[in-house]
Amino acid sequence: MWSPLENAANAFLAFALLTLGAQVAYPALKNFTFIFYLSVLGRLVFSPILALSILLILGMDGTIAQALFIASSFPMSRNSALFALIYDNYPDYAGQGVLVSTLFSSITVTIVVYLAEVIF
């Protein structure tokens, strides 16, 4: 029973990446609003700051704190774009958000990984 479930899970990942790739294949990177910039900035900058604050308040330390801090800096999920596409709720906007946050995450995740080593 476990083997078919693993195959279904692996197929979902491939299907999700395929649909996201089709969605952002020809992105019309235009019509960025203040809310768009705020959402990308919130995901890549404010989320790690909030996570760091919570980790310091809780007094967490070590590898677990590093992993949680680093995980908070990842870009927007492809699932958000997939759900937007399925439910026809601004799929272009969601695809652009995933694309732009993924591009800028190469910078922010690098900084957060360095800070995780220094702080924890």
C-alpha atoms as a PDB file:
ATOM      1  CA  MET A   1       0.000   0.000   0.000  1.00  0.00           C
ATOM      2  CA  TRP A   2       2.902   2.339   0.720  1.00  0.00           C
ATOM      3  CA  SER A   3       4.402   2.046  -2.768  1.00  0.00           C
ATOM      4  CA  PRO A   4       1.330   3.374  -4.649  1.00  0.00           C
ATOM      5  CA  LEU A   5       1.098   6.288  -2.216  1.00  0.00           C
ATOM      6  CA  GLU A   6       4.736   7.182  -2.847  1.00  0.00           C
ATOM      7  CA  ASN A   7       4.159   7.010  -6.614  1.00  0.00           C
ATOM      8  CA  ALA A   8       1.112   9.265  -6.326  1.00  0.00           C
ATOM      9  CA  ALA A   9       3.075  11.755  -4.213  1.00  0.00           C
ATOM     10  CA  ASN A  10       5.935  11.774  -6.722  1.00  0.00           C
ATOM     11  CA  ALA A  11       3.494  12.254  -9.601  1.00  0.00           C
ATOM     12  CA  PHE A  12       1.863  15.193  -7.814  1.00  0.00           C
ATOM     13  CA  LEU A  13       5.194  16.948  -7.456  1.00  0.00           C
ATOM     14  CA  ALA A  14       5.949  16.514 -11.157  1.00  0.00           C
ATOM     15  CA  PHE A  15       2.443  17.650 -12.107  1.00  0.00           C
ATOM     16  CA  ALA A  16       2.653  20.704  -9.851  1.00  0.00           C
ATOM     17  CA  LEU A  17       6.017  21.711 -11.290  1.00  0.00           C
ATOM     18  CA  LEU A  18       4.762  21.150 -14.834  1.00  0.00           C
ATOM     19  CA  THR A  19       1.700  23.332 -14.340  1.00  0.00           C
ATOM     20  CA  LEU A  20       3.722  26.041 -12.634  1.00  0.00           C
ATOM     21  CA  GLY A  21       6.273  25.926 -15.446  1.00  0.00           C
ATOM     22  CA  ALA A  22       3.512  26.285 -18.007  1.00  0.00           C
ATOM     23  CA  GLN A  23       2.045  29.152 -16.025  1.00  0.00           C
ATOM     24  CA  VAL A  24       5.271  31.158 -15.804  1.00  0.00           C
ATOM     25  CA  ALA A  25       6.720  30.135 -19.155  1.00  0.00           C
ATOM     26  CA  TYR A  26       5.756  33.442 -20.682  1.00  0.00           C
ATOM     27  CA  PRO A  27       5.326  35.685 -17.682  1.00  0.00           C
ATOM     28  CA  ALA A  28       4.052  39.137 -18.314  1.00  0.00           C
ATOM     29  CA  LEU A  29       6.099  40.819 -15.628  1.00  0.00           C
ATOM     30  CA  LYS A  30       4.030  43.945 -15.500  1.00  0.00           C
ATOM     31  CA  ASN A  31       1.382  45.677 -13.456  1.00  0.00           C
ATOM     32  CA  PHE A  32       3.223  45.267 -10.189  1.00  0.00           C
ATOM     33  CA  THR A  33       1.339  46.983  -7.419  1.00  0.00           C
ATOM     34  CA  PHE A  34       2.361  48.079  -3.961  1.00  0.00           C
ATOM     35  CA  ILE A  35       0.634  44.986  -2.554  1.00  0.00           C
ATOM     36  CA  PHE A  36       2.698  42.765  -4.845  1.00  0.00           C
ATOM     37  CA  TYR A  37       5.953  44.301  -3.647  1.00  0.00           C
ATOM     38  CA  LEU A  38       4.750  44.119  -0.061  1.00  0.00           C
ATOM     39  CA  SER A  39       3.895  40.425  -0.385  1.00  0.00           C
ATOM     40  CA  VAL A  40       7.284  39.527  -1.869  1.00  0.00           C
ATOM     41  CA  LEU A  41       9.100  41.682   0.681  1.00  0.00           C
ATOM     42  CA  GLY A  42       7.021  40.183   3.465  1.00  0.00           C
ATOM     43  CA  ARG A  43       7.821  36.647   2.409  1.00  0.00           C
ATOM     44  CA  LEU A  44      11.547  37.182   1.903  1.00  0.00           C
ATOM     45  CA  VAL A  45      12.393  39.771   4.592  1.00  0.00           C
ATOM     46  CA  PHE A  46       9.662  40.193   7.199  1.00  0.00           C
ATOM     47  CA  SER A  47       9.066  36.470   7.625  1.00  0.00           C
ATOM     48  CA  PRO A  48      12.685  35.720   8.641  1.00  0.00           C
ATOM     49  CA  ILE A  49      12.674  38.742  10.989  1.00  0.00           C
ATOM     50  CA  LEU A  50       9.484  37.480  12.638  1.00  0.00           C
ATOM     51  CA  ALA A  51      10.856  33.942  12.849  1.00  0.00           C
ATOM     52  CA  LEU A  52      14.102  35.191  14.404  1.00  0.00           C
ATOM     53  CA  SER A  53      12.137  37.193  16.958  1.00  0.00           C
ATOM     54  CA  ILE A  54      10.036  34.168  17.908  1.00  0.00           C
ATOM     55  CA  LEU A  55      13.095  31.912  18.133  1.00  0.00           C
ATOM     56  CA  LEU A  56      14.901  34.378  20.387  1.00  0.00           C
ATOM     57  CA  ILE A  57      11.837  34.857  22.596  1.00  0.00           C
ATOM     58  CA  LEU A  58      11.460  31.087  22.956  1.00  0.00           C
ATOM     59  CA  GLY A  59      15.171  30.748  23.663  1.00  0.00           C
ATOM     60  CA  MET A  60      15.723  28.139  20.988  1.00  0.00           C
ATOM     61  CA  ASP A  61      19.265  27.338  19.944  1.00  0.00           C
ATOM     62  CA  GLY A  62      21.232  24.872  17.855  1.00  0.00           C
ATOM     63  CA  THR A  63      20.424  23.031  14.680  1.00  0.00           C
ATOM     64  CA  ILE A  64      16.653  23.139  15.109  1.00  0.00           C
ATOM     65  CA  ALA A  65      16.684  26.921  15.481  1.00  0.00           C
ATOM     66  CA  GLN A  66      18.911  27.219  12.414  1.00  0.00           C
ATOM     67  CA  ALA A  67      16.596  25.001  10.358  1.00  0.00           C
ATOM     68  CA  LEU A  68      13.480  26.906  11.402  1.00  0.00           C
ATOM     69  CA  PHE A  69      15.119  30.252  10.723  1.00  0.00           C
ATOM     70  CA  ILE A  70      16.352  29.176   7.285  1.00  0.00           C
ATOM     71  CA  ALA A  71      12.977  27.626   6.390  1.00  0.00           C
ATOM     72  CA  SER A  72      11.285  30.940   7.134  1.00  0.00           C
ATOM     73  CA  SER A  73      13.243  32.609   4.328  1.00  0.00           C
ATOM     74  CA  PHE A  74      12.181  30.359   1.467  1.00  0.00           C
ATOM     75  CA  PRO A  75      10.299  31.932  -1.467  1.00  0.00           C
ATOM     76  CA  MET A  76       6.582  31.700  -2.102  1.00  0.00           C
ATOM     77  CA  SER A  77       5.364  28.190  -2.630  1.00  0.00           C
ATOM     78  CA  ARG A  78       4.510  26.798  -6.018  1.00  0.00           C
ATOM     79  CA  ASN A  79       1.359  25.457  -4.364  1.00  0.00           C
ATOM     80  CA  SER A  80      -0.025  28.977  -4.034  1.00  0.00           C
ATOM     81  CA  ALA A  81       0.314  29.466  -7.780  1.00  0.00           C
ATOM     82  CA  LEU A  82      -1.156  26.027  -8.440  1.00  0.00           C
ATOM     83  CA  PHE A  83      -4.195  26.727  -6.259  1.00  0.00           C
ATOM     84  CA  ALA A  84      -4.625  30.126  -7.906  1.00  0.00           C
ATOM     85  CA  LEU A  85      -4.582  28.383 -11.293  1.00  0.00           C
ATOM     86  CA  ILE A  86      -7.026  25.659 -10.246  1.00  0.00           C
ATOM     87  CA  TYR A  87      -9.513  28.074  -8.680  1.00  0.00           C
ATOM     88  CA  ASP A  88      -8.954  30.790 -11.297  1.00  0.00           C
ATOM     89  CA  ASN A  89      -8.072  33.367  -8.660  1.00  0.00           C
ATOM     90  CA  TYR A  90      -5.490  35.693 -10.254  1.00  0.00           C
ATOM     91  CA  PRO A  91      -3.195  32.909 -11.524  1.00  0.00           C
ATOM     92  CA  ASP A  92      -0.902  35.335 -13.380  1.00  0.00           C
ATOM     93  CA  TYR A  93      -0.431  37.397 -10.240  1.00  0.00           C
ATOM     94  CA  ALA A  94       0.384  34.294  -8.175  1.00  0.00           C
ATOM     95  CA  GLY A  95       2.754  32.956 -10.830  1.00  0.00           C
ATOM     96  CA  GLN A  96       4.581  36.273 -10.975  1.00  0.00           C
ATOM     97  CA  GLY A  97       4.853  36.253  -7.181  1.00  0.00           C
ATOM     98  CA  VAL A  98       6.420  32.807  -7.179  1.00  0.00           C
ATOM     99  CA  LEU A  99       8.797  33.740 -10.000  1.00  0.00           C
ATOM    100  CA  VAL A 100       9.935  37.058  -8.528  1.00  0.00           C
ATOM    101  CA  SER A 101      10.289  35.717  -4.974  1.00  0.00           C
ATOM    102  CA  THR A 102      12.277  32.738  -6.258  1.00  0.00           C
ATOM    103  CA  LEU A 103      14.653  35.027  -8.150  1.00  0.00           C
ATOM    104  CA  PHE A 104      15.263  37.294  -5.167  1.00  0.00           C
ATOM    105  CA  SER A 105      15.459  34.395  -2.721  1.00  0.00           C
ATOM    106  CA  SER A 106      18.899  33.533  -4.049  1.00  0.00           C
ATOM    107  CA  ILE A 107      20.082  36.651  -2.243  1.00  0.00           C
ATOM    108  CA  THR A 108      17.905  36.557   0.859  1.00  0.00           C
ATOM    109  CA  VAL A 109      18.305  32.837   1.608  1.00  0.00           C
ATOM    110  CA  THR A 110      22.088  33.212   1.362  1.00  0.00           C
ATOM    111  CA  ILE A 111      21.998  36.037   3.886  1.00  0.00           C
ATOM    112  CA  VAL A 112      19.705  34.098   6.228  1.00  0.00           C
ATOM    113  CA  VAL A 113      21.900  30.974   6.066  1.00  0.00           C
ATOM    114  CA  TYR A 114      24.920  33.083   7.023  1.00  0.00           C
ATOM    115  CA  LEU A 115      23.007  34.760   9.842  1.00  0.00           C
ATOM    116  CA  ALA A 116      21.771  31.386  11.088  1.00  0.00           C
ATOM    117  CA  GLU A 117      25.362  30.214  11.472  1.00  0.00           C
ATOM    118  CA  VAL A 118      26.400  33.417  13.229  1.00  0.00           C
ATOM    119  CA  ILE A 119      23.410  33.725  15.569  1.00  0.00           C
ATOM    120  CA  PHE A 120      22.816  30.081  16.441  1.00  0.00           C
END
